[in-house]
Amino acid sequence: MATLNKELRIMLIMSVLSSVLLVAGIPMIILGASNGLTVIMVIGIVFTAVDFYACPILWVFYADKRFCKRVVFAIDKEKLRTVSSIASQLGMSEEQVYKTVKRCFEKGWLYGYLLDGKNITVNTAKGPEDTFVYAVCASCGASFSYRSTENGVCPYCKTPHKK
């Protein structure tokens, strides 16, 4: 969810900036044209023309990410685990919620969950890279841990640990 929040924050900043530049571009055109400041006028024209198209597109993308965040929140915090329950909670169609859930999985915003048809389950399978071995060194008695995919070596006396 942290990645989604970061992307959402960036999208909000870009949307607000685009809105401000759209509004600021119009007086820049007038100021530049009336005072003979060609550079200001051209910058104003560019701001107005570009943001006339960019501003609504950015706000639509922002709203879409907000909806994704709401779906992720429903799954992660509210513990809703079916597309139908999320759809009824949000007042949306199941098809739209399913597409959003699927996209959230593809983007990696729903880490730790599995999509099984229209059901969402917590991923309880742990790979070997997720398991740690806790050991006590036979030579110096120090406690340490290491990944099960690695060879354990005491960080203090460098004695290899036997599994």
N, C-alpha and C. Protein backbone atom coordinates (compact mmCIF):
# COMPACT_ATOMS: atom_id res chain seq x y z
N MET A 1 0.82 -1.18 0.00
CA MET A 1 0.00 0.00 0.00
C MET A 1 0.87 1.25 0.00
N ALA A 2 2.09 1.14 0.49
CA ALA A 2 3.00 2.29 0.53
C ALA A 2 3.33 2.74 -0.89
N THR A 3 3.54 1.80 -1.79
CA THR A 3 3.83 2.14 -3.18
C THR A 3 2.66 2.87 -3.81
N LEU A 4 1.48 2.38 -3.56
CA LEU A 4 0.27 3.01 -4.10
C LEU A 4 0.10 4.41 -3.54
N ASN A 5 0.34 4.58 -2.25
CA ASN A 5 0.23 5.92 -1.64
C ASN A 5 1.24 6.89 -2.25
N LYS A 6 2.44 6.41 -2.51
CA LYS A 6 3.47 7.26 -3.12
C LYS A 6 3.06 7.66 -4.53
N GLU A 7 2.58 6.70 -5.32
CA GLU A 7 2.13 7.00 -6.68
C GLU A 7 0.94 7.95 -6.66
N LEU A 8 0.06 7.77 -5.70
CA LEU A 8 -1.11 8.64 -5.56
C LEU A 8 -0.70 10.07 -5.22
N ARG A 9 0.26 10.20 -4.33
CA ARG A 9 0.77 11.53 -3.96
C ARG A 9 1.40 12.24 -5.16
N ILE A 10 2.18 11.51 -5.94
CA ILE A 10 2.81 12.09 -7.12
C ILE A 10 1.74 12.50 -8.14
N MET A 11 0.73 11.66 -8.32
CA MET A 11 -0.34 11.98 -9.27
C MET A 11 -1.12 13.22 -8.81
N LEU A 12 -1.34 13.36 -7.52
CA LEU A 12 -2.04 14.54 -6.98
C LEU A 12 -1.22 15.80 -7.23
N ILE A 13 0.06 15.73 -6.98
CA ILE A 13 0.93 16.89 -7.20
C ILE A 13 0.93 17.29 -8.68
N MET A 14 1.03 16.30 -9.56
CA MET A 14 1.02 16.60 -10.99
C MET A 14 -0.32 17.19 -11.42
N SER A 15 -1.43 16.69 -10.88
CA SER A 15 -2.75 17.19 -11.24
C SER A 15 -2.95 18.63 -10.77
N VAL A 16 -2.56 18.91 -9.54
CA VAL A 16 -2.69 20.27 -9.02
C VAL A 16 -1.78 21.23 -9.78
N LEU A 17 -0.56 20.81 -10.05
CA LEU A 17 0.36 21.65 -10.81
C LEU A 17 -0.19 21.93 -12.21
N SER A 18 -0.75 20.95 -12.85
CA SER A 18 -1.34 21.14 -14.17
C SER A 18 -2.51 22.12 -14.10
N SER A 19 -3.32 22.03 -13.07
CA SER A 19 -4.44 22.95 -12.90
C SER A 19 -3.95 24.38 -12.71
N VAL A 20 -2.93 24.54 -11.89
CA VAL A 20 -2.38 25.88 -11.63
C VAL A 20 -1.77 26.46 -12.90
N LEU A 21 -1.02 25.64 -13.65
CA LEU A 21 -0.40 26.14 -14.88
C LEU A 21 -1.45 26.49 -15.94
N LEU A 22 -2.54 25.76 -15.98
CA LEU A 22 -3.61 26.08 -16.92
C LEU A 22 -4.19 27.46 -16.61
N VAL A 23 -4.45 27.69 -15.35
CA VAL A 23 -5.02 28.98 -14.94
C VAL A 23 -3.98 30.10 -15.08
N ALA A 24 -2.72 29.83 -14.76
CA ALA A 24 -1.67 30.85 -14.84
C ALA A 24 -1.31 31.18 -16.28
N GLY A 25 -1.52 30.27 -17.19
CA GLY A 25 -1.15 30.50 -18.58
C GLY A 25 -1.96 31.61 -19.24
N ILE A 26 -3.22 31.76 -18.88
CA ILE A 26 -4.09 32.77 -19.52
C ILE A 26 -3.62 34.18 -19.20
N PRO A 27 -3.38 34.55 -17.92
CA PRO A 27 -2.86 35.90 -17.66
C PRO A 27 -1.46 36.12 -18.25
N MET A 28 -0.69 35.04 -18.36
CA MET A 28 0.64 35.19 -18.96
C MET A 28 0.52 35.57 -20.43
N ILE A 29 -0.48 35.02 -21.12
CA ILE A 29 -0.70 35.38 -22.53
C ILE A 29 -1.08 36.86 -22.62
N ILE A 30 -1.99 37.27 -21.77
CA ILE A 30 -2.46 38.67 -21.80
C ILE A 30 -1.33 39.61 -21.42
N LEU A 31 -0.62 39.28 -20.35
CA LEU A 31 0.49 40.13 -19.90
C LEU A 31 1.58 40.20 -20.96
N GLY A 32 1.92 39.08 -21.54
CA GLY A 32 2.96 39.07 -22.57
C GLY A 32 2.56 39.82 -23.82
N ALA A 33 1.32 39.67 -24.25
CA ALA A 33 0.86 40.33 -25.47
C ALA A 33 0.73 41.84 -25.27
N SER A 34 0.24 42.27 -24.11
CA SER A 34 0.01 43.70 -23.89
C SER A 34 1.29 44.46 -23.60
N ASN A 35 2.32 43.81 -23.10
CA ASN A 35 3.58 44.49 -22.76
C ASN A 35 4.72 44.17 -23.73
N GLY A 36 4.42 43.43 -24.75
CA GLY A 36 5.45 43.10 -25.74
C GLY A 36 6.46 42.08 -25.23
N LEU A 37 6.09 41.29 -24.26
CA LEU A 37 6.99 40.26 -23.72
C LEU A 37 6.66 38.93 -24.41
N THR A 38 7.29 38.72 -25.51
CA THR A 38 7.00 37.56 -26.35
C THR A 38 7.26 36.24 -25.63
N VAL A 39 8.34 36.19 -24.87
CA VAL A 39 8.70 34.94 -24.18
C VAL A 39 7.60 34.57 -23.17
N ILE A 40 7.13 35.54 -22.41
CA ILE A 40 6.06 35.29 -21.43
C ILE A 40 4.79 34.84 -22.14
N MET A 41 4.48 35.48 -23.26
CA MET A 41 3.29 35.14 -24.01
C MET A 41 3.38 33.70 -24.55
N VAL A 42 4.52 33.34 -25.08
CA VAL A 42 4.71 31.98 -25.62
C VAL A 42 4.62 30.94 -24.51
N ILE A 43 5.24 31.23 -23.36
CA ILE A 43 5.16 30.30 -22.23
C ILE A 43 3.71 30.15 -21.78
N GLY A 44 2.97 31.26 -21.74
CA GLY A 44 1.56 31.21 -21.38
C GLY A 44 0.75 30.39 -22.36
N ILE A 45 1.04 30.54 -23.66
CA ILE A 45 0.34 29.75 -24.68
C ILE A 45 0.64 28.26 -24.50
N VAL A 46 1.90 27.94 -24.25
CA VAL A 46 2.29 26.54 -24.05
C VAL A 46 1.59 25.96 -22.82
N PHE A 47 1.64 26.70 -21.70
CA PHE A 47 0.98 26.23 -20.48
C PHE A 47 -0.52 25.99 -20.73
N THR A 48 -1.16 26.95 -21.37
CA THR A 48 -2.60 26.86 -21.59
C THR A 48 -2.93 25.71 -22.54
N ALA A 49 -2.20 25.60 -23.63
CA ALA A 49 -2.49 24.57 -24.62
C ALA A 49 -2.22 23.16 -24.08
N VAL A 50 -1.07 22.99 -23.45
CA VAL A 50 -0.70 21.66 -22.94
C VAL A 50 -1.63 21.25 -21.80
N ASP A 51 -1.84 22.15 -20.86
CA ASP A 51 -2.64 21.79 -19.69
C ASP A 51 -4.13 21.76 -19.97
N PHE A 52 -4.55 22.36 -21.07
CA PHE A 52 -5.96 22.23 -21.47
C PHE A 52 -6.31 20.77 -21.69
N TYR A 53 -5.35 20.01 -22.23
CA TYR A 53 -5.55 18.57 -22.45
C TYR A 53 -5.05 17.74 -21.28
N ALA A 54 -3.92 18.11 -20.71
CA ALA A 54 -3.29 17.30 -19.67
C ALA A 54 -4.06 17.34 -18.35
N CYS A 55 -4.61 18.48 -18.01
CA CYS A 55 -5.26 18.64 -16.70
C CYS A 55 -6.41 17.64 -16.49
N PRO A 56 -7.38 17.54 -17.38
CA PRO A 56 -8.45 16.57 -17.13
C PRO A 56 -7.97 15.12 -17.16
N ILE A 57 -7.00 14.84 -18.00
CA ILE A 57 -6.47 13.47 -18.07
C ILE A 57 -5.80 13.10 -16.76
N LEU A 58 -4.99 14.02 -16.22
CA LEU A 58 -4.32 13.74 -14.95
C LEU A 58 -5.32 13.55 -13.81
N TRP A 59 -6.38 14.37 -13.78
CA TRP A 59 -7.38 14.21 -12.73
C TRP A 59 -8.14 12.90 -12.86
N VAL A 60 -8.38 12.44 -14.07
CA VAL A 60 -9.04 11.15 -14.26
C VAL A 60 -8.13 10.02 -13.78
N PHE A 61 -6.83 10.09 -14.10
CA PHE A 61 -5.89 9.08 -13.62
C PHE A 61 -5.80 9.10 -12.10
N TYR A 62 -5.82 10.29 -11.52
CA TYR A 62 -5.77 10.41 -10.07
C TYR A 62 -7.00 9.74 -9.44
N ALA A 63 -8.17 10.01 -10.01
CA ALA A 63 -9.41 9.41 -9.48
C ALA A 63 -9.36 7.89 -9.60
N ASP A 64 -8.81 7.39 -10.70
CA ASP A 64 -8.70 5.95 -10.89
C ASP A 64 -7.79 5.33 -9.83
N LYS A 65 -6.66 5.97 -9.54
CA LYS A 65 -5.75 5.47 -8.50
C LYS A 65 -6.41 5.54 -7.12
N ARG A 66 -7.22 6.57 -6.89
CA ARG A 66 -7.94 6.67 -5.62
C ARG A 66 -8.91 5.49 -5.46
N PHE A 67 -9.55 5.12 -6.56
CA PHE A 67 -10.46 3.98 -6.50
C PHE A 67 -9.67 2.70 -6.22
N CYS A 68 -8.50 2.56 -6.84
CA CYS A 68 -7.66 1.40 -6.57
C CYS A 68 -7.26 1.37 -5.09
N LYS A 69 -6.93 2.52 -4.55
CA LYS A 69 -6.56 2.60 -3.14
C LYS A 69 -7.73 2.17 -2.26
N ARG A 70 -8.93 2.56 -2.64
CA ARG A 70 -10.12 2.19 -1.87
C ARG A 70 -10.34 0.68 -1.91
N VAL A 71 -10.10 0.07 -3.05
CA VAL A 71 -10.24 -1.39 -3.18
C VAL A 71 -9.17 -2.10 -2.35
N VAL A 72 -7.94 -1.62 -2.42
CA VAL A 72 -6.86 -2.22 -1.63
C VAL A 72 -7.16 -2.08 -0.14
N PHE A 73 -7.69 -0.94 0.27
CA PHE A 73 -8.07 -0.72 1.66
C PHE A 73 -9.16 -1.71 2.08
N ALA A 74 -10.14 -1.92 1.21
CA ALA A 74 -11.22 -2.86 1.52
C ALA A 74 -10.69 -4.27 1.72
N ILE A 75 -9.71 -4.65 0.93
CA ILE A 75 -9.15 -5.99 1.04
C ILE A 75 -8.22 -6.09 2.24
N ASP A 76 -7.34 -5.12 2.39
CA ASP A 76 -6.29 -5.19 3.40
C ASP A 76 -6.80 -4.85 4.80
N LYS A 77 -7.55 -3.80 4.95
CA LYS A 77 -7.96 -3.34 6.28
C LYS A 77 -9.36 -3.79 6.68
N GLU A 78 -10.28 -3.78 5.74
CA GLU A 78 -11.65 -4.18 6.06
C GLU A 78 -11.87 -5.69 5.93
N LYS A 79 -10.86 -6.39 5.45
CA LYS A 79 -10.87 -7.85 5.33
C LYS A 79 -11.98 -8.39 4.45
N LEU A 80 -12.35 -7.65 3.41
CA LEU A 80 -13.33 -8.14 2.44
C LEU A 80 -12.58 -9.03 1.46
N ARG A 81 -13.04 -10.25 1.28
CA ARG A 81 -12.25 -11.22 0.53
C ARG A 81 -12.93 -11.75 -0.73
N THR A 82 -14.08 -11.21 -1.11
CA THR A 82 -14.70 -11.61 -2.37
C THR A 82 -15.01 -10.36 -3.17
N VAL A 83 -15.00 -10.53 -4.49
CA VAL A 83 -15.30 -9.42 -5.39
C VAL A 83 -16.72 -8.92 -5.14
N SER A 84 -17.64 -9.83 -4.89
CA SER A 84 -19.04 -9.42 -4.67
C SER A 84 -19.18 -8.61 -3.39
N SER A 85 -18.47 -8.98 -2.33
CA SER A 85 -18.58 -8.20 -1.09
C SER A 85 -17.94 -6.82 -1.23
N ILE A 86 -16.85 -6.74 -1.98
CA ILE A 86 -16.22 -5.44 -2.22
C ILE A 86 -17.15 -4.58 -3.08
N ALA A 87 -17.74 -5.19 -4.11
CA ALA A 87 -18.65 -4.45 -5.00
C ALA A 87 -19.85 -3.92 -4.23
N SER A 88 -20.41 -4.73 -3.35
CA SER A 88 -21.57 -4.26 -2.58
C SER A 88 -21.17 -3.19 -1.58
N GLN A 89 -19.99 -3.29 -1.01
CA GLN A 89 -19.50 -2.29 -0.06
C GLN A 89 -19.27 -0.94 -0.75
N LEU A 90 -18.75 -0.98 -1.98
CA LEU A 90 -18.40 0.24 -2.70
C LEU A 90 -19.52 0.74 -3.61
N GLY A 91 -20.56 -0.08 -3.78
CA GLY A 91 -21.66 0.32 -4.65
C GLY A 91 -21.28 0.33 -6.12
N MET A 92 -20.42 -0.59 -6.52
CA MET A 92 -19.95 -0.68 -7.90
C MET A 92 -20.34 -2.04 -8.46
N SER A 93 -20.18 -2.17 -9.78
CA SER A 93 -20.48 -3.46 -10.40
C SER A 93 -19.35 -4.45 -10.09
N GLU A 94 -19.71 -5.72 -10.05
CA GLU A 94 -18.70 -6.75 -9.78
C GLU A 94 -17.64 -6.79 -10.86
N GLU A 95 -18.04 -6.56 -12.09
CA GLU A 95 -17.09 -6.58 -13.21
C GLU A 95 -16.04 -5.48 -13.06
N GLN A 96 -16.48 -4.29 -12.69
CA GLN A 96 -15.55 -3.17 -12.53
C GLN A 96 -14.61 -3.43 -11.35
N VAL A 97 -15.14 -3.96 -10.27
CA VAL A 97 -14.31 -4.25 -9.10
C VAL A 97 -13.32 -5.36 -9.43
N TYR A 98 -13.76 -6.39 -10.16
CA TYR A 98 -12.87 -7.48 -10.53
C TYR A 98 -11.70 -6.98 -11.38
N LYS A 99 -12.00 -6.12 -12.35
CA LYS A 99 -10.93 -5.56 -13.19
C LYS A 99 -9.96 -4.73 -12.36
N THR A 100 -10.49 -3.99 -11.40
CA THR A 100 -9.63 -3.17 -10.54
C THR A 100 -8.78 -4.05 -9.63
N VAL A 101 -9.37 -5.09 -9.05
CA VAL A 101 -8.61 -6.00 -8.20
C VAL A 101 -7.51 -6.68 -9.00
N LYS A 102 -7.84 -7.11 -10.19
CA LYS A 102 -6.85 -7.76 -11.05
C LYS A 102 -5.70 -6.81 -11.37
N ARG A 103 -6.04 -5.54 -11.68
CA ARG A 103 -5.01 -4.56 -11.97
C ARG A 103 -4.15 -4.27 -10.73
N CYS A 104 -4.75 -4.25 -9.56
CA CYS A 104 -4.00 -4.03 -8.32
C CYS A 104 -3.01 -5.17 -8.09
N PHE A 105 -3.40 -6.39 -8.42
CA PHE A 105 -2.47 -7.52 -8.32
C PHE A 105 -1.34 -7.36 -9.33
N GLU A 106 -1.67 -6.97 -10.56
CA GLU A 106 -0.64 -6.82 -11.60
C GLU A 106 0.35 -5.73 -11.25
N LYS A 107 -0.11 -4.66 -10.62
CA LYS A 107 0.77 -3.54 -10.25
C LYS A 107 1.56 -3.84 -8.99
N GLY A 108 1.20 -4.90 -8.26
CA GLY A 108 1.92 -5.25 -7.04
C GLY A 108 1.44 -4.51 -5.81
N TRP A 109 0.25 -3.93 -5.88
CA TRP A 109 -0.29 -3.18 -4.75
C TRP A 109 -0.96 -4.08 -3.73
N LEU A 110 -1.23 -5.32 -4.08
CA LEU A 110 -1.84 -6.28 -3.16
C LEU A 110 -0.84 -7.39 -2.87
N TYR A 111 0.26 -7.04 -2.31
CA TYR A 111 1.31 -7.99 -1.98
C TYR A 111 0.87 -8.84 -0.80
N GLY A 112 1.03 -10.14 -0.90
CA GLY A 112 0.69 -11.04 0.19
C GLY A 112 -0.69 -11.66 0.06
N TYR A 113 -1.34 -11.42 -1.07
CA TYR A 113 -2.67 -11.97 -1.32
C TYR A 113 -2.65 -12.76 -2.62
N LEU A 114 -3.62 -13.65 -2.76
CA LEU A 114 -3.79 -14.43 -3.99
C LEU A 114 -5.19 -14.20 -4.53
N LEU A 115 -5.32 -14.11 -5.84
CA LEU A 115 -6.62 -13.98 -6.49
C LEU A 115 -6.98 -15.33 -7.08
N ASP A 116 -8.03 -15.92 -6.54
CA ASP A 116 -8.49 -17.23 -6.99
C ASP A 116 -9.91 -17.05 -7.53
N GLY A 117 -10.01 -16.86 -8.84
CA GLY A 117 -11.31 -16.58 -9.43
C GLY A 117 -11.79 -15.22 -8.96
N LYS A 118 -12.85 -15.22 -8.17
CA LYS A 118 -13.36 -13.95 -7.62
C LYS A 118 -13.18 -13.89 -6.11
N ASN A 119 -12.32 -14.76 -5.60
CA ASN A 119 -12.02 -14.77 -4.16
C ASN A 119 -10.58 -14.32 -3.95
N ILE A 120 -10.36 -13.63 -2.86
CA ILE A 120 -9.03 -13.15 -2.50
C ILE A 120 -8.65 -13.83 -1.20
N THR A 121 -7.48 -14.45 -1.19
CA THR A 121 -7.03 -15.13 0.02
C THR A 121 -5.66 -14.62 0.40
N VAL A 122 -5.34 -14.78 1.66
CA VAL A 122 -4.02 -14.39 2.15
C VAL A 122 -3.03 -15.47 1.72
N ASN A 123 -1.90 -15.05 1.20
CA ASN A 123 -0.87 -15.98 0.76
C ASN A 123 -0.10 -16.48 1.98
N THR A 124 -0.36 -17.71 2.38
CA THR A 124 0.32 -18.26 3.54
C THR A 124 1.56 -19.06 3.17
N ALA A 125 1.76 -19.32 1.89
CA ALA A 125 2.94 -20.06 1.45
C ALA A 125 4.17 -19.17 1.57
N LYS A 126 5.18 -19.70 2.17
CA LYS A 126 6.41 -18.94 2.33
C LYS A 126 7.50 -19.65 1.53
N GLY A 127 8.20 -18.87 0.75
CA GLY A 127 9.30 -19.42 -0.02
C GLY A 127 10.52 -19.62 0.85
N PRO A 128 11.50 -20.33 0.35
CA PRO A 128 12.71 -20.56 1.14
C PRO A 128 13.43 -19.27 1.50
N GLU A 129 13.27 -18.24 0.68
CA GLU A 129 13.94 -16.98 0.98
C GLU A 129 13.29 -16.25 2.15
N ASP A 130 12.10 -16.70 2.55
CA ASP A 130 11.39 -16.06 3.65
C ASP A 130 11.65 -16.72 5.00
N THR A 131 12.36 -17.85 5.01
CA THR A 131 12.56 -18.54 6.27
C THR A 131 13.98 -18.29 6.78
N PHE A 132 14.08 -18.17 8.10
CA PHE A 132 15.37 -17.94 8.73
C PHE A 132 15.69 -19.10 9.66
N VAL A 133 16.97 -19.38 9.79
CA VAL A 133 17.45 -20.38 10.72
C VAL A 133 18.12 -19.62 11.86
N TYR A 134 17.69 -19.90 13.07
CA TYR A 134 18.30 -19.29 14.26
C TYR A 134 19.27 -20.30 14.85
N ALA A 135 20.48 -19.84 15.10
CA ALA A 135 21.53 -20.77 15.51
C ALA A 135 22.36 -20.20 16.64
N VAL A 136 23.04 -21.10 17.34
CA VAL A 136 24.00 -20.73 18.36
C VAL A 136 25.34 -21.31 17.91
N CYS A 137 26.34 -20.48 17.88
CA CYS A 137 27.66 -20.90 17.40
C CYS A 137 28.26 -21.93 18.36
N ALA A 138 28.78 -23.02 17.80
CA ALA A 138 29.40 -24.08 18.60
C ALA A 138 30.74 -23.64 19.17
N SER A 139 31.39 -22.67 18.53
CA SER A 139 32.71 -22.23 18.98
C SER A 139 32.64 -21.14 20.04
N CYS A 140 31.90 -20.04 19.75
CA CYS A 140 31.92 -18.90 20.67
C CYS A 140 30.62 -18.72 21.45
N GLY A 141 29.55 -19.45 21.08
CA GLY A 141 28.29 -19.38 21.81
C GLY A 141 27.40 -18.21 21.43
N ALA A 142 27.75 -17.48 20.40
CA ALA A 142 26.95 -16.32 19.98
C ALA A 142 25.68 -16.79 19.26
N SER A 143 24.59 -16.04 19.46
CA SER A 143 23.34 -16.31 18.76
C SER A 143 23.31 -15.49 17.47
N PHE A 144 22.85 -16.11 16.39
CA PHE A 144 22.74 -15.40 15.11
C PHE A 144 21.70 -16.09 14.25
N SER A 145 21.33 -15.45 13.16
CA SER A 145 20.37 -16.04 12.23
C SER A 145 20.87 -15.86 10.81
N TYR A 146 20.37 -16.72 9.94
CA TYR A 146 20.73 -16.63 8.53
C TYR A 146 19.60 -17.23 7.71
N ARG A 147 19.54 -16.88 6.44
CA ARG A 147 18.50 -17.40 5.54
C ARG A 147 18.76 -18.88 5.28
N SER A 148 17.67 -19.62 5.15
CA SER A 148 17.81 -21.06 4.95
C SER A 148 18.43 -21.40 3.60
N THR A 149 18.43 -20.47 2.68
CA THR A 149 19.03 -20.71 1.37
C THR A 149 20.54 -20.45 1.37
N GLU A 150 21.06 -19.92 2.47
CA GLU A 150 22.48 -19.60 2.56
C GLU A 150 23.17 -20.58 3.50
N ASN A 151 24.49 -20.56 3.46
CA ASN A 151 25.27 -21.33 4.42
C ASN A 151 25.49 -20.44 5.63
N GLY A 152 25.12 -20.93 6.80
CA GLY A 152 25.26 -20.14 8.01
C GLY A 152 26.69 -20.07 8.48
N VAL A 153 27.14 -18.84 8.75
CA VAL A 153 28.48 -18.61 9.27
C VAL A 153 28.35 -17.64 10.43
N CYS A 154 28.98 -17.95 11.54
CA CYS A 154 28.93 -17.07 12.70
C CYS A 154 29.55 -15.72 12.33
N PRO A 155 28.84 -14.62 12.54
CA PRO A 155 29.37 -13.32 12.16
C PRO A 155 30.52 -12.85 13.05
N TYR A 156 30.73 -13.52 14.19
CA TYR A 156 31.76 -13.09 15.13
C TYR A 156 33.07 -13.84 14.95
N CYS A 157 32.99 -15.18 14.91
CA CYS A 157 34.23 -15.96 14.81
C CYS A 157 34.38 -16.67 13.46
N LYS A 158 33.41 -16.50 12.58
CA LYS A 158 33.43 -17.04 11.21
C LYS A 158 33.40 -18.57 11.15
N THR A 159 32.89 -19.21 12.19
CA THR A 159 32.74 -20.66 12.20
C THR A 159 31.49 -21.05 11.42
N PRO A 160 31.59 -21.98 10.46
CA PRO A 160 30.41 -22.41 9.73
C PRO A 160 29.44 -23.15 10.64
N HIS A 161 28.15 -22.92 10.44
CA HIS A 161 27.11 -23.60 11.21
C HIS A 161 26.67 -24.84 10.45
N LYS A 162 26.55 -25.96 11.14
CA LYS A 162 26.09 -27.19 10.52
C LYS A 162 24.60 -27.31 10.76
N LYS A 163 23.84 -27.51 9.67
CA LYS A 163 22.37 -27.63 9.76
C LYS A 163 21.96 -28.94 10.37
